[in-house]
Amino acid sequence: MRFGLILSEAFSGLRRNASMVISVILVTFVSLTFVGAAMLMQMQIGKMQSYWTDRAQVAVFMCSTVSDKPSCTAGEAASQDQIDQVRATLEGPSLAPLIRNFTFQTSDEAFENAKGLLSADIADVVTADQFNATFSINLVDQSQSDVISEAFSNQAGVEEVTDQMQYLEPLFQTLTVATYVAVGIAGLMLIAAVLLIATTIRLSAFARRRELGIMRLVGASNRFIQTPFVLEGVLAALIGSALASVAVWAIVEVGVNQYLRERISFITSWVGFSDVAIVVPVIIIIGVLLAALSASFAIRRWLRA
């Protein structure tokens, strides 16, 4: 097979259908950029979940003098016996295997830590016994937080049991929905790219119908005839994929490293160039495969017509 002739025919077809080829490049670029962005977003969600799952705690708040829950005695803070009972339960055989470690903060320590956050007027009014003594628990498996809640529900001296992950779940859910939206848009754009590639190949074949007829008369194989058209679609998609790869790199470099990383301090684990190195080959493969398949299908149908 004469590869030089095939390449020259492919580039000739690209020149003849320049406007359609530019459309294919742009649609492929946009669709694969959405694919790359969705992949990066899902990677970011995974990093955040992994980071916070290891650090999120379950907090057991003991009663204070201002607690109004049924498990608390009005106007009385949790007694030392009630605190010791909670500690014994945490260290007992039923809960100990689920707990990695836990710490205890007294109401006096909570008051001292809060002084720096309270205005002078409020700090002069509140007292240490109005703050909750708290057990902060790190679990081996954060999904077992319900076990801790059930163990201390309605226990005397315990005001409330909270799981810090419940405050982060809405964020994860929002990001996941955004990922699905990006994937949906990418899917629609990829369908448009496939249709454009097929249309471009048909137009290119129609423009060269006399040449193709002569090639068939002199005995050229179907593979020899089809290959330049397939290369046309692949080259256009490859350019679009390369532009999408640059866009994905720019998202991480400009959007993440230069903007988000400096403004959002509570997230310490961000996607980086190692993740880009995973995403770029995937979007290039997707673009090339879709282009090759759609171009091959289009030229085969045209030749059979």
C-alpha atoms as a PDB file:
ATOM      1  CA  MET A   1       0.000   0.000   0.000  1.00  0.00           C
ATOM      2  CA  ARG A   2       1.443   3.397  -1.012  1.00  0.00           C
ATOM      3  CA  PHE A   3       1.350   5.424   2.186  1.00  0.00           C
ATOM      4  CA  GLY A   4       2.629   8.601   0.512  1.00  0.00           C
ATOM      5  CA  LEU A   5      -0.235   8.582  -1.956  1.00  0.00           C
ATOM      6  CA  ILE A   6      -2.768   7.843   0.791  1.00  0.00           C
ATOM      7  CA  LEU A   7      -1.502  10.740   2.935  1.00  0.00           C
ATOM      8  CA  SER A   8      -1.530  13.135   0.001  1.00  0.00           C
ATOM      9  CA  GLU A   9      -5.138  12.142  -0.763  1.00  0.00           C
ATOM     10  CA  ALA A  10      -6.099  12.658   2.875  1.00  0.00           C
ATOM     11  CA  PHE A  11      -4.560  16.139   3.047  1.00  0.00           C
ATOM     12  CA  SER A  12      -6.130  16.987  -0.299  1.00  0.00           C
ATOM     13  CA  GLY A  13      -9.531  16.067   1.112  1.00  0.00           C
ATOM     14  CA  LEU A  14      -8.893  18.241   4.177  1.00  0.00           C
ATOM     15  CA  ARG A  15      -8.087  21.226   1.962  1.00  0.00           C
ATOM     16  CA  ARG A  16     -11.178  20.734  -0.215  1.00  0.00           C
ATOM     17  CA  ASN A  17     -13.525  20.639   2.797  1.00  0.00           C
ATOM     18  CA  ALA A  18     -11.720  23.195   4.963  1.00  0.00           C
ATOM     19  CA  SER A  19     -14.865  24.735   6.449  1.00  0.00           C
ATOM     20  CA  MET A  20     -16.352  21.365   7.432  1.00  0.00           C
ATOM     21  CA  VAL A  21     -13.008  20.214   8.804  1.00  0.00           C
ATOM     22  CA  ILE A  22     -12.779  23.345  10.976  1.00  0.00           C
ATOM     23  CA  SER A  23     -16.287  22.594  12.258  1.00  0.00           C
ATOM     24  CA  VAL A  24     -15.239  19.032  13.122  1.00  0.00           C
ATOM     25  CA  ILE A  25     -12.146  20.313  14.930  1.00  0.00           C
ATOM     26  CA  LEU A  26     -14.138  22.840  16.966  1.00  0.00           C
ATOM     27  CA  VAL A  27     -16.909  20.420  17.925  1.00  0.00           C
ATOM     28  CA  THR A  28     -14.380  17.728  18.832  1.00  0.00           C
ATOM     29  CA  PHE A  29     -12.387  20.275  20.840  1.00  0.00           C
ATOM     30  CA  VAL A  30     -15.423  21.439  22.842  1.00  0.00           C
ATOM     31  CA  SER A  31     -16.830  17.954  23.450  1.00  0.00           C
ATOM     32  CA  LEU A  32     -13.514  16.442  24.543  1.00  0.00           C
ATOM     33  CA  THR A  33     -12.834  19.453  26.771  1.00  0.00           C
ATOM     34  CA  PHE A  34     -16.094  18.682  28.580  1.00  0.00           C
ATOM     35  CA  VAL A  35     -15.036  15.026  28.816  1.00  0.00           C
ATOM     36  CA  GLY A  36     -11.677  16.038  30.305  1.00  0.00           C
ATOM     37  CA  ALA A  37     -13.310  18.514  32.698  1.00  0.00           C
ATOM     38  CA  ALA A  38     -15.764  15.857  33.882  1.00  0.00           C
ATOM     39  CA  MET A  39     -12.910  13.401  34.484  1.00  0.00           C
ATOM     40  CA  LEU A  40     -10.928  16.006  36.425  1.00  0.00           C
ATOM     41  CA  MET A  41     -13.993  16.910  38.486  1.00  0.00           C
ATOM     42  CA  GLN A  42     -14.601  13.274  39.380  1.00  0.00           C
ATOM     43  CA  MET A  43     -10.933  12.903  40.342  1.00  0.00           C
ATOM     44  CA  GLN A  44     -11.230  16.014  42.524  1.00  0.00           C
ATOM     45  CA  ILE A  45     -14.317  14.627  44.240  1.00  0.00           C
ATOM     46  CA  GLY A  46     -12.442  11.390  44.931  1.00  0.00           C
ATOM     47  CA  LYS A  47      -9.471  13.284  46.403  1.00  0.00           C
ATOM     48  CA  MET A  48     -11.723  15.409  48.619  1.00  0.00           C
ATOM     49  CA  GLN A  49     -13.728  12.432  49.848  1.00  0.00           C
ATOM     50  CA  SER A  50     -10.556  10.500  50.625  1.00  0.00           C
ATOM     51  CA  TYR A  51      -9.015  13.478  52.426  1.00  0.00           C
ATOM     52  CA  TRP A  52     -12.041  14.374  54.536  1.00  0.00           C
ATOM     53  CA  THR A  53     -13.111  10.804  55.233  1.00  0.00           C
ATOM     54  CA  ASP A  54      -9.782  10.271  56.995  1.00  0.00           C
ATOM     55  CA  ARG A  55     -10.154  13.497  58.980  1.00  0.00           C
ATOM     56  CA  ALA A  56     -13.888  13.912  59.592  1.00  0.00           C
ATOM     57  CA  GLN A  57     -14.894  13.195  63.158  1.00  0.00           C
ATOM     58  CA  VAL A  58     -17.992  12.153  65.019  1.00  0.00           C
ATOM     59  CA  ALA A  59     -18.565  14.517  67.939  1.00  0.00           C
ATOM     60  CA  VAL A  60     -20.386  13.529  71.121  1.00  0.00           C
ATOM     61  CA  PHE A  61     -21.505  16.741  72.825  1.00  0.00           C
ATOM     62  CA  MET A  62     -22.142  16.430  76.539  1.00  0.00           C
ATOM     63  CA  CYS A  63     -24.839  18.504  78.200  1.00  0.00           C
ATOM     64  CA  SER A  64     -24.123  22.073  79.304  1.00  0.00           C
ATOM     65  CA  THR A  65     -26.060  24.380  81.610  1.00  0.00           C
ATOM     66  CA  VAL A  66     -27.974  25.796  78.603  1.00  0.00           C
ATOM     67  CA  SER A  67     -28.889  22.456  76.999  1.00  0.00           C
ATOM     68  CA  ASP A  68     -32.585  21.789  76.519  1.00  0.00           C
ATOM     69  CA  LYS A  69     -32.580  18.214  75.219  1.00  0.00           C
ATOM     70  CA  PRO A  70     -34.634  15.555  77.072  1.00  0.00           C
ATOM     71  CA  SER A  71     -31.448  13.672  77.943  1.00  0.00           C
ATOM     72  CA  CYS A  72     -30.137  16.720  79.810  1.00  0.00           C
ATOM     73  CA  THR A  73     -31.190  18.011  83.220  1.00  0.00           C
ATOM     74  CA  ALA A  74     -32.276  21.631  82.872  1.00  0.00           C
ATOM     75  CA  GLY A  75     -29.628  24.026  84.149  1.00  0.00           C
ATOM     76  CA  GLU A  76     -27.081  21.285  84.867  1.00  0.00           C
ATOM     77  CA  ALA A  77     -24.026  20.274  82.892  1.00  0.00           C
ATOM     78  CA  ALA A  78     -23.100  16.613  82.392  1.00  0.00           C
ATOM     79  CA  SER A  79     -21.672  15.123  85.561  1.00  0.00           C
ATOM     80  CA  GLN A  80     -18.280  13.469  85.771  1.00  0.00           C
ATOM     81  CA  ASP A  81     -19.991  10.083  86.149  1.00  0.00           C
ATOM     82  CA  GLN A  82     -21.886  10.636  82.888  1.00  0.00           C
ATOM     83  CA  ILE A  83     -18.671  11.655  81.125  1.00  0.00           C
ATOM     84  CA  ASP A  84     -16.895   8.586  82.483  1.00  0.00           C
ATOM     85  CA  GLN A  85     -19.767   6.389  81.316  1.00  0.00           C
ATOM     86  CA  VAL A  86     -19.428   7.715  77.746  1.00  0.00           C
ATOM     87  CA  ARG A  87     -15.677   7.163  77.867  1.00  0.00           C
ATOM     88  CA  ALA A  88     -16.174   3.600  79.103  1.00  0.00           C
ATOM     89  CA  THR A  89     -18.623   2.905  76.287  1.00  0.00           C
ATOM     90  CA  LEU A  90     -16.162   4.218  73.692  1.00  0.00           C
ATOM     91  CA  GLU A  91     -13.404   2.028  75.138  1.00  0.00           C
ATOM     92  CA  GLY A  92     -15.716  -0.982  75.490  1.00  0.00           C
ATOM     93  CA  PRO A  93     -15.578  -4.111  73.328  1.00  0.00           C
ATOM     94  CA  SER A  94     -18.559  -3.143  71.131  1.00  0.00           C
ATOM     95  CA  LEU A  95     -17.293   0.265  69.943  1.00  0.00           C
ATOM     96  CA  ALA A  96     -13.515   0.098  70.380  1.00  0.00           C
ATOM     97  CA  PRO A  97     -12.936  -1.946  67.160  1.00  0.00           C
ATOM     98  CA  LEU A  98     -14.726   0.778  65.152  1.00  0.00           C
ATOM     99  CA  ILE A  99     -12.713   3.674  66.612  1.00  0.00           C
ATOM    100  CA  ARG A 100      -9.250   4.670  65.458  1.00  0.00           C
ATOM    101  CA  ASN A 101      -8.812   7.182  68.290  1.00  0.00           C
ATOM    102  CA  PHE A 102     -10.728   9.821  70.216  1.00  0.00           C
ATOM    103  CA  THR A 103      -9.979  12.950  72.220  1.00  0.00           C
ATOM    104  CA  PHE A 104     -11.885  14.704  74.986  1.00  0.00           C
ATOM    105  CA  GLN A 105     -12.240  18.456  75.377  1.00  0.00           C
ATOM    106  CA  THR A 106     -13.578  19.815  78.646  1.00  0.00           C
ATOM    107  CA  SER A 107     -15.989  22.740  78.798  1.00  0.00           C
ATOM    108  CA  ASP A 108     -13.187  24.922  80.222  1.00  0.00           C
ATOM    109  CA  GLU A 109     -10.954  24.081  77.234  1.00  0.00           C
ATOM    110  CA  ALA A 110     -13.809  24.770  74.824  1.00  0.00           C
ATOM    111  CA  PHE A 111     -14.374  28.136  76.506  1.00  0.00           C
ATOM    112  CA  GLU A 112     -10.682  29.072  76.247  1.00  0.00           C
ATOM    113  CA  ASN A 113     -10.606  28.088  72.567  1.00  0.00           C
ATOM    114  CA  ALA A 114     -13.724  30.152  71.884  1.00  0.00           C
ATOM    115  CA  LYS A 115     -12.461  33.323  73.567  1.00  0.00           C
ATOM    116  CA  GLY A 116     -10.434  34.305  70.550  1.00  0.00           C
ATOM    117  CA  LEU A 117     -13.487  33.991  68.306  1.00  0.00           C
ATOM    118  CA  LEU A 118     -15.948  35.859  70.529  1.00  0.00           C
ATOM    119  CA  SER A 119     -16.277  39.597  70.791  1.00  0.00           C
ATOM    120  CA  ALA A 120     -15.291  41.190  74.112  1.00  0.00           C
ATOM    121  CA  ASP A 121     -18.917  41.913  75.055  1.00  0.00           C
ATOM    122  CA  ILE A 122     -20.012  38.293  74.574  1.00  0.00           C
ATOM    123  CA  ALA A 123     -16.888  36.853  76.195  1.00  0.00           C
ATOM    124  CA  ASP A 124     -17.659  38.813  79.373  1.00  0.00           C
ATOM    125  CA  VAL A 125     -21.197  37.386  79.549  1.00  0.00           C
ATOM    126  CA  VAL A 126     -20.756  33.679  78.802  1.00  0.00           C
ATOM    127  CA  THR A 127     -19.232  31.202  81.231  1.00  0.00           C
ATOM    128  CA  ALA A 128     -17.311  27.965  80.758  1.00  0.00           C
ATOM    129  CA  ASP A 129     -20.188  25.758  81.945  1.00  0.00           C
ATOM    130  CA  GLN A 130     -22.290  26.994  79.014  1.00  0.00           C
ATOM    131  CA  PHE A 131     -19.933  25.223  76.594  1.00  0.00           C
ATOM    132  CA  ASN A 132     -20.213  21.536  75.823  1.00  0.00           C
ATOM    133  CA  ALA A 133     -17.578  19.073  76.905  1.00  0.00           C
ATOM    134  CA  THR A 134     -16.949  17.067  73.732  1.00  0.00           C
ATOM    135  CA  PHE A 135     -15.615  13.684  72.674  1.00  0.00           C
ATOM    136  CA  SER A 136     -14.128  13.910  69.131  1.00  0.00           C
ATOM    137  CA  ILE A 137     -13.967  10.465  67.546  1.00  0.00           C
ATOM    138  CA  ASN A 138     -12.043   9.304  64.483  1.00  0.00           C
ATOM    139  CA  LEU A 139     -13.528   6.121  63.059  1.00  0.00           C
ATOM    140  CA  VAL A 140     -11.787   3.334  61.193  1.00  0.00           C
ATOM    141  CA  ASP A 141     -14.671   3.419  58.691  1.00  0.00           C
ATOM    142  CA  GLN A 142     -16.534   6.719  58.499  1.00  0.00           C
ATOM    143  CA  SER A 143     -19.642   4.969  57.166  1.00  0.00           C
ATOM    144  CA  GLN A 144     -20.070   3.424  60.646  1.00  0.00           C
ATOM    145  CA  SER A 145     -20.928   6.794  62.200  1.00  0.00           C
ATOM    146  CA  ASP A 146     -24.554   5.713  62.647  1.00  0.00           C
ATOM    147  CA  VAL A 147     -23.376   3.104  65.156  1.00  0.00           C
ATOM    148  CA  ILE A 148     -21.950   5.841  67.370  1.00  0.00           C
ATOM    149  CA  SER A 149     -25.152   7.863  67.085  1.00  0.00           C
ATOM    150  CA  GLU A 150     -27.279   4.889  68.075  1.00  0.00           C
ATOM    151  CA  ALA A 151     -24.991   4.004  70.983  1.00  0.00           C
ATOM    152  CA  PHE A 152     -25.455   7.401  72.633  1.00  0.00           C
ATOM    153  CA  SER A 153     -28.952   8.392  71.525  1.00  0.00           C
ATOM    154  CA  ASN A 154     -31.041   9.417  74.534  1.00  0.00           C
ATOM    155  CA  GLN A 155     -28.195   8.593  76.922  1.00  0.00           C
ATOM    156  CA  ALA A 156     -28.245  10.701  80.057  1.00  0.00           C
ATOM    157  CA  GLY A 157     -25.740  13.546  79.893  1.00  0.00           C
ATOM    158  CA  VAL A 158     -25.359  13.433  76.089  1.00  0.00           C
ATOM    159  CA  GLU A 159     -26.912  16.402  74.289  1.00  0.00           C
ATOM    160  CA  GLU A 160     -26.121  15.514  70.663  1.00  0.00           C
ATOM    161  CA  VAL A 161     -24.031  13.302  68.380  1.00  0.00           C
ATOM    162  CA  THR A 162     -22.983  14.860  65.066  1.00  0.00           C
ATOM    163  CA  ASP A 163     -21.058  13.546  62.072  1.00  0.00           C
ATOM    164  CA  GLN A 164     -18.898  16.164  60.356  1.00  0.00           C
ATOM    165  CA  MET A 165     -19.297  14.363  57.008  1.00  0.00           C
ATOM    166  CA  GLN A 166     -22.960  15.385  56.921  1.00  0.00           C
ATOM    167  CA  TYR A 167     -21.848  18.974  56.339  1.00  0.00           C
ATOM    168  CA  LEU A 168     -19.659  17.941  53.389  1.00  0.00           C
ATOM    169  CA  GLU A 169     -22.115  15.614  51.652  1.00  0.00           C
ATOM    170  CA  PRO A 170     -24.089  18.478  50.017  1.00  0.00           C
ATOM    171  CA  LEU A 171     -20.823  19.741  48.494  1.00  0.00           C
ATOM    172  CA  PHE A 172     -19.956  16.286  47.141  1.00  0.00           C
ATOM    173  CA  GLN A 173     -23.470  15.854  45.771  1.00  0.00           C
ATOM    174  CA  THR A 174     -23.349  19.249  44.039  1.00  0.00           C
ATOM    175  CA  LEU A 175     -20.009  18.429  42.421  1.00  0.00           C
ATOM    176  CA  THR A 176     -21.309  15.032  41.335  1.00  0.00           C
ATOM    177  CA  VAL A 177     -24.351  16.642  39.684  1.00  0.00           C
ATOM    178  CA  ALA A 178     -22.025  19.091  37.920  1.00  0.00           C
ATOM    179  CA  THR A 179     -20.003  16.115  36.687  1.00  0.00           C
ATOM    180  CA  TYR A 180     -23.130  14.469  35.276  1.00  0.00           C
ATOM    181  CA  VAL A 181     -24.080  17.714  33.526  1.00  0.00           C
ATOM    182  CA  ALA A 182     -20.602  17.964  31.975  1.00  0.00           C
ATOM    183  CA  VAL A 183     -20.782  14.340  30.838  1.00  0.00           C
ATOM    184  CA  GLY A 184     -24.233  14.926  29.319  1.00  0.00           C
ATOM    185  CA  ILE A 185     -23.065  17.987  27.391  1.00  0.00           C
ATOM    186  CA  ALA A 186     -19.929  16.119  26.286  1.00  0.00           C
ATOM    187  CA  GLY A 187     -22.066  13.212  25.062  1.00  0.00           C
ATOM    188  CA  LEU A 188     -24.283  15.512  22.962  1.00  0.00           C
ATOM    189  CA  MET A 189     -21.259  17.281  21.519  1.00  0.00           C
ATOM    190  CA  LEU A 190     -19.572  13.969  20.685  1.00  0.00           C
ATOM    191  CA  ILE A 191     -22.697  12.862  18.825  1.00  0.00           C
ATOM    192  CA  ALA A 192     -22.568  16.133  16.883  1.00  0.00           C
ATOM    193  CA  ALA A 193     -18.879  15.531  16.138  1.00  0.00           C
ATOM    194  CA  VAL A 194     -19.578  12.004  14.864  1.00  0.00           C
ATOM    195  CA  LEU A 195     -22.353  13.275  12.570  1.00  0.00           C
ATOM    196  CA  LEU A 196     -20.149  16.096  11.297  1.00  0.00           C
ATOM    197  CA  ILE A 197     -17.292  13.704  10.563  1.00  0.00           C
ATOM    198  CA  ALA A 198     -19.627  11.377   8.689  1.00  0.00           C
ATOM    199  CA  THR A 199     -21.068  14.282   6.687  1.00  0.00           C
ATOM    200  CA  THR A 200     -17.587  15.608   5.892  1.00  0.00           C
ATOM    201  CA  ILE A 201     -16.478  12.202   4.621  1.00  0.00           C
ATOM    202  CA  ARG A 202     -19.564  11.837   2.442  1.00  0.00           C
ATOM    203  CA  LEU A 203     -19.023  15.302   0.943  1.00  0.00           C
ATOM    204  CA  SER A 204     -15.372  14.522   0.323  1.00  0.00           C
ATOM    205  CA  ALA A 205     -16.282  11.227  -1.360  1.00  0.00           C
ATOM    206  CA  PHE A 206     -18.949  12.919  -3.480  1.00  0.00           C
ATOM    207  CA  ALA A 207     -16.465  15.572  -4.638  1.00  0.00           C
ATOM    208  CA  ARG A 208     -14.083  12.825  -5.746  1.00  0.00           C
ATOM    209  CA  ARG A 209     -16.668  10.444  -7.121  1.00  0.00           C
ATOM    210  CA  ARG A 210     -15.075  10.350 -10.589  1.00  0.00           C
ATOM    211  CA  GLU A 211     -11.647   9.566  -9.144  1.00  0.00           C
ATOM    212  CA  LEU A 212     -13.124   6.828  -6.973  1.00  0.00           C
ATOM    213  CA  GLY A 213     -14.944   5.357  -9.955  1.00  0.00           C
ATOM    214  CA  ILE A 214     -11.690   5.154 -11.921  1.00  0.00           C
ATOM    215  CA  MET A 215      -9.866   3.624  -8.952  1.00  0.00           C
ATOM    216  CA  ARG A 216     -12.506   0.904  -8.687  1.00  0.00           C
ATOM    217  CA  LEU A 217     -12.303   0.216 -12.427  1.00  0.00           C
ATOM    218  CA  VAL A 218      -8.535  -0.300 -12.285  1.00  0.00           C
ATOM    219  CA  GLY A 219      -8.926  -2.756  -9.409  1.00  0.00           C
ATOM    220  CA  ALA A 220      -8.057  -0.662  -6.328  1.00  0.00           C
ATOM    221  CA  SER A 221      -9.035  -2.450  -3.131  1.00  0.00           C
ATOM    222  CA  ASN A 222     -11.715  -1.090  -0.809  1.00  0.00           C
ATOM    223  CA  ARG A 223      -9.129  -0.622   1.934  1.00  0.00           C
ATOM    224  CA  PHE A 224      -6.975   1.518  -0.375  1.00  0.00           C
ATOM    225  CA  ILE A 225      -9.996   3.644  -1.300  1.00  0.00           C
ATOM    226  CA  GLN A 226     -11.328   3.989   2.248  1.00  0.00           C
ATOM    227  CA  THR A 227      -8.070   4.700   4.092  1.00  0.00           C
ATOM    228  CA  PRO A 228      -7.586   8.356   2.935  1.00  0.00           C
ATOM    229  CA  PHE A 229     -11.126   9.227   4.037  1.00  0.00           C
ATOM    230  CA  VAL A 230     -10.642   7.586   7.416  1.00  0.00           C
ATOM    231  CA  LEU A 231      -7.391   9.514   7.827  1.00  0.00           C
ATOM    232  CA  GLU A 232      -9.232  12.756   7.064  1.00  0.00           C
ATOM    233  CA  GLY A 233     -11.581  12.192   9.976  1.00  0.00           C
ATOM    234  CA  VAL A 234      -8.813  10.978  12.274  1.00  0.00           C
ATOM    235  CA  LEU A 235      -6.545  13.956  11.516  1.00  0.00           C
ATOM    236  CA  ALA A 236      -9.364  16.450  12.123  1.00  0.00           C
ATOM    237  CA  ALA A 237     -10.307  14.713  15.393  1.00  0.00           C
ATOM    238  CA  LEU A 238      -6.644  14.516  16.407  1.00  0.00           C
ATOM    239  CA  ILE A 239      -6.277  18.279  16.060  1.00  0.00           C
ATOM    240  CA  GLY A 240      -9.446  18.778  18.111  1.00  0.00           C
ATOM    241  CA  SER A 241      -8.141  16.328  20.723  1.00  0.00           C
ATOM    242  CA  ALA A 242      -4.830  18.180  20.920  1.00  0.00           C
ATOM    243  CA  LEU A 243      -6.662  21.468  21.499  1.00  0.00           C
ATOM    244  CA  ALA A 244      -8.812  19.805  24.172  1.00  0.00           C
ATOM    245  CA  SER A 245      -5.644  18.496  25.850  1.00  0.00           C
ATOM    246  CA  VAL A 246      -4.262  22.039  25.978  1.00  0.00           C
ATOM    247  CA  ALA A 247      -7.583  23.240  27.430  1.00  0.00           C
ATOM    248  CA  VAL A 248      -7.479  20.551  30.138  1.00  0.00           C
ATOM    249  CA  TRP A 249      -3.915  21.544  31.005  1.00  0.00           C
ATOM    250  CA  ALA A 250      -5.019  25.206  31.187  1.00  0.00           C
ATOM    251  CA  ILE A 251      -7.925  24.289  33.496  1.00  0.00           C
ATOM    252  CA  VAL A 252      -5.478  22.791  35.987  1.00  0.00           C
ATOM    253  CA  GLU A 253      -2.723  25.383  35.602  1.00  0.00           C
ATOM    254  CA  VAL A 254      -4.858  28.536  35.570  1.00  0.00           C
ATOM    255  CA  GLY A 255      -8.154  27.470  37.129  1.00  0.00           C
ATOM    256  CA  VAL A 256      -6.813  25.236  39.894  1.00  0.00           C
ATOM    257  CA  ASN A 257      -3.185  26.157  40.626  1.00  0.00           C
ATOM    258  CA  GLN A 258      -3.412  29.926  40.118  1.00  0.00           C
ATOM    259  CA  TYR A 259      -6.995  30.621  41.214  1.00  0.00           C
ATOM    260  CA  LEU A 260      -8.753  27.996  43.354  1.00  0.00           C
ATOM    261  CA  ARG A 261      -5.712  26.807  45.310  1.00  0.00           C
ATOM    262  CA  GLU A 262      -5.046  30.351  46.551  1.00  0.00           C
ATOM    263  CA  ARG A 263      -8.669  31.139  47.431  1.00  0.00           C
ATOM    264  CA  ILE A 264      -9.978  27.909  48.960  1.00  0.00           C
ATOM    265  CA  SER A 265      -7.774  26.994  51.886  1.00  0.00           C
ATOM    266  CA  PHE A 266      -9.857  24.189  53.435  1.00  0.00           C
ATOM    267  CA  ILE A 267      -9.175  21.937  50.437  1.00  0.00           C
ATOM    268  CA  THR A 268      -5.550  20.847  50.508  1.00  0.00           C
ATOM    269  CA  SER A 269      -5.672  18.051  47.943  1.00  0.00           C
ATOM    270  CA  TRP A 270      -6.221  19.278  44.381  1.00  0.00           C
ATOM    271  CA  VAL A 271      -5.966  17.647  40.984  1.00  0.00           C
ATOM    272  CA  GLY A 272      -2.574  18.215  39.384  1.00  0.00           C
ATOM    273  CA  PHE A 273      -0.531  17.483  36.314  1.00  0.00           C
ATOM    274  CA  SER A 274      -0.276  13.811  37.220  1.00  0.00           C
ATOM    275  CA  ASP A 275      -4.051  13.682  36.766  1.00  0.00           C
ATOM    276  CA  VAL A 276      -3.774  15.612  33.494  1.00  0.00           C
ATOM    277  CA  ALA A 277      -1.305  12.955  32.311  1.00  0.00           C
ATOM    278  CA  ILE A 278      -4.065  10.376  32.846  1.00  0.00           C
ATOM    279  CA  VAL A 279      -6.869  12.424  31.273  1.00  0.00           C
ATOM    280  CA  VAL A 280      -5.068  13.563  28.101  1.00  0.00           C
ATOM    281  CA  PRO A 281      -4.397  10.090  26.617  1.00  0.00           C
ATOM    282  CA  VAL A 282      -8.009   9.101  27.353  1.00  0.00           C
ATOM    283  CA  ILE A 283      -9.550  12.038  25.502  1.00  0.00           C
ATOM    284  CA  ILE A 284      -7.152  11.604  22.571  1.00  0.00           C
ATOM    285  CA  ILE A 285      -8.058   7.914  22.302  1.00  0.00           C
ATOM    286  CA  ILE A 286     -11.779   8.730  22.510  1.00  0.00           C
ATOM    287  CA  GLY A 287     -11.487  11.360  19.784  1.00  0.00           C
ATOM    288  CA  VAL A 288      -9.426   9.203  17.421  1.00  0.00           C
ATOM    289  CA  LEU A 289     -11.564   6.083  17.885  1.00  0.00           C
ATOM    290  CA  LEU A 290     -14.854   7.919  17.338  1.00  0.00           C
ATOM    291  CA  ALA A 291     -13.463   9.653  14.264  1.00  0.00           C
ATOM    292  CA  ALA A 292     -12.082   6.442  12.783  1.00  0.00           C
ATOM    293  CA  LEU A 293     -15.286   4.495  13.381  1.00  0.00           C
ATOM    294  CA  SER A 294     -17.629   7.208  12.082  1.00  0.00           C
ATOM    295  CA  ALA A 295     -15.463   7.920   9.008  1.00  0.00           C
ATOM    296  CA  SER A 296     -15.101   4.227   8.203  1.00  0.00           C
ATOM    297  CA  PHE A 297     -18.844   3.643   8.531  1.00  0.00           C
ATOM    298  CA  ALA A 298     -19.657   6.702   6.380  1.00  0.00           C
ATOM    299  CA  ILE A 299     -17.325   5.824   3.485  1.00  0.00           C
ATOM    300  CA  ARG A 300     -18.422   2.196   3.487  1.00  0.00           C
ATOM    301  CA  ARG A 301     -22.050   3.191   3.225  1.00  0.00           C
ATOM    302  CA  TRP A 302     -21.241   5.665   0.456  1.00  0.00           C
ATOM    303  CA  LEU A 303     -19.316   3.071  -1.553  1.00  0.00           C
ATOM    304  CA  ARG A 304     -22.162   0.585  -1.246  1.00  0.00           C
ATOM    305  CA  ALA A 305     -24.762   3.117  -2.370  1.00  0.00           C
END
